[in-house]
Protein backbone atom coordinates (compact mmCIF):
# COMPACT_ATOMS: atom_id res chain seq x y z
CA UNK A 1 -0.06 0.00 0.01
CA UNK A 2 2.87 2.33 0.63
CA UNK A 3 3.56 4.58 -2.10
CA UNK A 4 0.29 3.98 -4.03
CA UNK A 5 -1.96 6.86 -4.95
CA UNK A 6 -5.76 6.64 -5.02
CA UNK A 7 -7.82 8.57 -7.53
CA UNK A 8 -11.57 8.95 -7.94
CA UNK A 9 -12.82 7.67 -11.24
CA UNK A 10 -16.19 8.07 -12.89
CA UNK A 11 -18.51 10.99 -13.69
CA UNK A 12 -20.71 10.96 -10.55
CA UNK A 13 -19.61 12.76 -7.39
CA UNK A 14 -21.34 12.63 -4.01
CA UNK A 15 -23.52 15.74 -2.92
CA UNK A 16 -21.95 17.42 0.00
CA UNK A 17 -24.81 19.92 0.86
CA UNK A 18 -27.83 18.90 3.08
CA UNK A 19 -30.91 17.64 1.35
CA UNK A 20 -33.79 20.09 1.04
CA UNK A 21 -35.97 20.31 4.09
CA UNK A 22 -39.76 19.55 3.83
CA UNK A 23 -40.52 22.21 6.53
CA UNK A 24 -39.33 25.08 4.24
CA UNK A 25 -41.79 24.20 1.59
CA UNK A 26 -44.71 24.11 4.14
CA UNK A 27 -43.68 27.52 5.42
CA UNK A 28 -43.50 29.10 1.92
CA UNK A 29 -46.98 27.74 1.10
CA UNK A 30 -48.49 29.10 4.39
CA UNK A 31 -46.84 32.47 3.81
CA UNK A 32 -48.40 32.70 0.34
CA UNK A 33 -51.92 31.79 1.64
CA UNK A 34 -51.58 34.53 4.28
CA UNK A 35 -50.47 37.17 1.80
CA UNK A 36 -53.42 36.33 -0.50
CA UNK A 37 -55.89 36.61 2.50
CA UNK A 38 -54.49 40.03 3.36
CA UNK A 39 -54.81 41.19 -0.16
CA UNK A 40 -58.35 40.01 -0.39
CA UNK A 41 -59.32 41.73 2.95
CA UNK A 42 -57.80 45.14 1.82
CA UNK A 43 -59.82 44.96 -1.38
CA UNK A 44 -63.04 44.43 0.46
CA UNK A 45 -62.46 47.44 2.64
CA UNK A 46 -61.60 49.68 -0.38
CA UNK A 47 -64.89 48.54 -1.94
CA UNK A 48 -66.84 49.51 1.23
CA UNK A 49 -65.18 52.94 1.36
CA UNK A 50 -66.13 53.83 -2.18
CA UNK A 51 -69.59 52.49 -1.98
CA UNK A 52 -70.37 54.36 1.25
CA UNK A 53 -71.33 51.35 3.36
CA UNK A 54 -68.87 52.23 6.23
CA UNK A 55 -70.31 55.87 6.45
CA UNK A 56 -73.92 54.42 6.42
CA UNK A 57 -72.97 51.97 9.24
CA UNK A 58 -71.28 54.82 11.38
CA UNK A 59 -74.38 56.98 11.01
CA UNK A 60 -76.69 54.16 12.22
CA UNK A 61 -74.44 53.58 15.18
CA UNK A 62 -74.55 57.43 16.11
CA UNK A 63 -78.27 57.45 15.79
CA UNK A 64 -78.67 54.39 18.14
CA UNK A 65 -76.12 55.93 20.60
CA UNK A 66 -78.06 59.19 20.85
CA UNK A 67 -81.72 58.69 19.87
CA UNK A 68 -83.04 62.04 21.00
CA UNK A 69 -80.29 64.19 19.25
CA UNK A 70 -80.55 66.77 22.07
CA UNK A 71 -78.19 67.61 24.80
CA UNK A 72 -79.52 68.72 28.20
CA UNK A 73 -79.02 72.39 29.12
CA UNK A 74 -76.34 72.87 31.63
CA UNK A 75 -75.66 75.59 34.10
CA UNK A 76 -72.48 76.67 35.80
CA UNK A 77 -70.07 73.82 36.50
CA UNK A 78 -71.57 71.67 33.71
CA UNK A 79 -74.55 70.71 35.97
CA UNK A 80 -78.08 71.02 34.59
CA UNK A 81 -79.94 73.82 36.18
CA UNK A 82 -83.25 72.39 37.47
CA UNK A 83 -86.38 74.37 36.36
CA UNK A 84 -88.32 75.43 39.38
CA UNK A 85 -91.97 74.56 39.65
CA UNK A 86 -94.48 76.77 38.00
CA UNK A 87 -96.52 77.27 41.16
CA UNK A 88 -93.70 78.46 43.35
CA UNK A 89 -94.39 81.79 45.01
CA UNK A 90 -91.82 84.65 45.32
CA UNK A 91 -90.10 85.88 48.43
CA UNK A 92 -90.99 89.12 50.09
CA UNK A 93 -90.39 92.13 47.93
CA UNK A 94 -89.31 90.17 44.77
CA UNK A 95 -91.64 87.31 44.06
CA UNK A 96 -92.93 86.85 40.51
CA UNK A 97 -94.19 90.44 40.46
CA UNK A 98 -93.65 92.49 37.29
CA UNK A 99 -90.33 94.41 37.07
CA UNK A 100 -89.82 98.01 36.00
CA UNK A 101 -89.81 96.96 32.32
CA UNK A 102 -93.01 94.88 32.65
CA UNK A 103 -91.44 91.36 32.65
CA UNK A 104 -91.68 88.91 35.54
CA UNK A 105 -88.50 89.17 37.58
CA UNK A 106 -86.76 85.78 37.53
CA UNK A 107 -89.91 84.07 36.46
CA UNK A 108 -89.84 80.60 37.90
CA UNK A 109 -91.88 79.09 35.14
CA UNK A 110 -89.34 78.16 32.31
CA UNK A 111 -85.84 78.31 33.58
CA UNK A 112 -83.48 75.63 31.93
CA UNK A 113 -83.51 76.23 28.24
CA UNK A 114 -80.37 77.78 26.71
CA UNK A 115 -80.11 81.16 25.13
CA UNK A 116 -79.02 81.35 21.40
CA UNK A 117 -75.42 82.32 20.71
CA UNK A 118 -74.95 86.08 19.67
CA UNK A 119 -72.26 87.92 17.93
CA UNK A 120 -73.27 91.39 19.00
CA UNK A 121 -74.44 92.99 22.25
CA UNK A 122 -76.38 96.21 22.95
CA UNK A 123 -74.97 99.11 24.82
CA UNK A 124 -75.48 99.02 28.68
CA UNK A 125 -77.53 102.18 28.66
CA UNK A 126 -80.41 100.08 26.69
CA UNK A 127 -80.27 97.17 29.09
CA UNK A 128 -82.57 96.96 32.11
CA UNK A 129 -81.17 94.68 34.75
CA UNK A 130 -83.10 93.23 37.71
CA UNK A 131 -80.62 92.42 40.52
CA UNK A 132 -81.89 89.49 42.63
CA UNK A 133 -80.07 87.86 45.62
CA UNK A 134 -80.51 84.08 46.15
CA UNK A 135 -78.00 83.93 48.98
CA UNK A 136 -78.35 84.78 52.70
CA UNK A 137 -75.89 87.62 52.41
CA UNK A 138 -77.78 90.80 53.27
CA UNK A 139 -77.40 93.87 51.00
CA UNK A 140 -75.59 91.95 48.21
CA UNK A 141 -78.23 92.74 45.58
CA UNK A 142 -78.22 96.57 46.41
CA UNK A 143 -74.44 96.81 46.30
CA UNK A 144 -74.37 94.96 43.02
CA UNK A 145 -76.98 97.11 41.56
CA UNK A 146 -74.98 100.24 42.42
CA UNK A 147 -71.99 98.79 40.64
CA UNK A 148 -73.98 97.94 37.54
CA UNK A 149 -75.40 101.49 37.57
CA UNK A 150 -72.03 102.85 37.51
CA UNK A 151 -71.30 100.92 34.42
CA UNK A 152 -74.23 102.52 32.55
CA UNK A 153 -76.81 99.78 33.09
CA UNK A 154 -80.52 100.64 33.78
CA UNK A 155 -81.40 99.03 37.13
CA UNK A 156 -84.88 97.65 37.41
CA UNK A 157 -86.04 95.55 40.47
CA UNK A 158 -83.48 95.09 43.30
CA UNK A 159 -84.29 92.53 46.03
CA UNK A 160 -84.31 88.89 46.96
CA UNK A 161 -84.84 86.10 44.40
CA UNK A 162 -87.98 84.19 44.27
CA UNK A 163 -88.15 81.32 46.82
CA UNK A 164 -87.88 78.77 43.97
CA UNK A 165 -84.31 80.01 43.34
CA UNK A 166 -83.15 80.63 46.88
CA UNK A 167 -79.93 78.92 47.54
CA UNK A 168 -80.29 76.95 44.27
CA UNK A 169 -78.05 79.15 42.02
CA UNK A 170 -74.80 77.25 41.29
CA UNK A 171 -71.57 79.23 40.82
CA UNK A 172 -71.34 82.98 40.90
CA UNK A 173 -74.61 83.90 39.14
CA UNK A 174 -77.24 83.12 36.53
CA UNK A 175 -78.29 85.60 33.92
CA UNK A 176 -81.93 85.02 32.90
CA UNK A 177 -83.48 86.55 29.80
CA UNK A 178 -86.01 85.88 26.99
CA UNK A 179 -84.86 84.81 23.55
CA UNK A 180 -84.88 88.51 22.37
CA UNK A 181 -82.71 89.58 25.14
CA UNK A 182 -79.83 87.03 24.27
CA UNK A 183 -77.38 89.91 23.45
CA UNK A 184 -78.20 91.85 26.63
CA UNK A 185 -77.73 88.56 28.70
CA UNK A 186 -74.38 88.11 27.14
CA UNK A 187 -73.34 91.73 27.99
CA UNK A 188 -74.63 91.28 31.67
CA UNK A 189 -73.01 87.75 32.06
CA UNK A 190 -69.67 89.12 31.02
CA UNK A 191 -69.58 91.37 34.08
CA UNK A 192 -68.96 88.43 36.38
CA UNK A 193 -66.69 85.39 36.19
CA UNK A 194 -68.41 81.99 36.13
CA UNK A 195 -71.92 83.20 35.30
CA UNK A 196 -74.28 81.09 33.26
CA UNK A 197 -77.17 82.31 31.08
CA UNK A 198 -80.58 80.71 30.83
CA UNK A 199 -83.87 81.47 29.04
CA UNK A 200 -87.47 82.11 30.22
CA UNK A 201 -90.70 83.00 28.70
CA UNK A 202 -90.41 86.90 28.86
CA UNK A 203 -90.94 88.71 25.46
CA UNK A 204 -88.90 91.86 26.30
CA UNK A 205 -85.06 92.40 26.47
CA UNK A 206 -84.90 92.89 30.23
CA UNK A 207 -82.32 90.73 32.15
CA UNK A 208 -82.25 89.06 35.67
CA UNK A 209 -78.99 89.01 37.33
CA UNK A 210 -79.54 86.24 39.98
CA UNK A 211 -76.55 86.16 42.42
CA UNK A 212 -75.31 82.81 43.56
CA UNK A 213 -73.39 81.65 46.61
CA UNK A 214 -70.10 81.67 44.58
CA UNK A 215 -70.40 85.48 43.88
CA UNK A 216 -67.84 87.84 45.34
CA UNK A 217 -67.61 90.88 43.13
CA UNK A 218 -67.96 92.04 39.49
CA UNK A 219 -64.95 91.80 37.19
CA UNK A 220 -63.09 94.97 36.65
CA UNK A 221 -64.19 96.87 33.50
CA UNK A 222 -61.18 95.77 31.43
CA UNK A 223 -61.69 92.16 32.34
CA UNK A 224 -65.39 92.37 31.63
CA UNK A 225 -64.70 93.84 28.21
CA UNK A 226 -62.34 90.79 27.41
CA UNK A 227 -64.89 88.35 28.62
CA UNK A 228 -67.55 90.01 26.44
CA UNK A 229 -65.26 89.84 23.29
CA UNK A 230 -64.70 86.05 23.96
CA UNK A 231 -68.47 85.56 24.43
CA UNK A 232 -69.34 87.14 21.27
CA UNK A 233 -66.95 85.09 19.09
CA UNK A 234 -68.83 82.77 16.79
CA UNK A 235 -68.30 79.11 17.67
CA UNK A 236 -66.36 77.17 14.95
CA UNK A 237 -68.34 74.37 13.28
CA UNK A 238 -66.68 71.19 14.51
CA UNK A 239 -65.99 68.77 11.74
CA UNK A 240 -66.65 65.15 12.73
CA UNK A 241 -63.79 62.82 12.38
CA UNK A 242 -64.34 59.58 10.25
CA UNK A 243 -66.36 57.07 12.50
CA UNK A 244 -67.20 59.63 15.11
CA UNK A 245 -70.62 60.94 16.05
């Protein structure tokens, strides 16, 4: 054997690489099926978008979520202001008797509906304000009426709020007016921080300034003017996002 050389003869050589695994083929087939499923699902969604089916379904969902389509009127702090009972009688000196302008001061019959938004306000000289105190702090209505008179407002009735509103005004104040007095209510409401505005059934433009437990003082004239500017800004129309109500 020593000194002899061995040579490989013939045309066939052994394969040195590993044989193909069966698992790889299975993975390739599964991956192809998943890709085809994703493509098909995307095609169905595109068709729904262009045919409007998704929008119709969202509209039905919104309608079922809010069947009435109306939001409850809220007072100061986001809490609804309860409407006093129609038969409630007024307190001494203020009741539901007619004010100097002929309207019922803080009429307890229809509080709770919101006033429409306005973009302009009248001058203080043209606004008659009834100043009513719903707190147990004596003399608060008279002092506030004097301050409003200094700012040019015409002061009507001054006294206690009707018993239906006593100790029931949340926040600093509630400004009550008829639909035609929305601009005057915005002007009066801007005089105090945290005031809310509500509507009643009066037909004139008089305003009731009902003082609440959170009231301390009127804003200074500069701050009141800034608050009025903000109140008169038109509310931007909110565009609903896709899928939102």
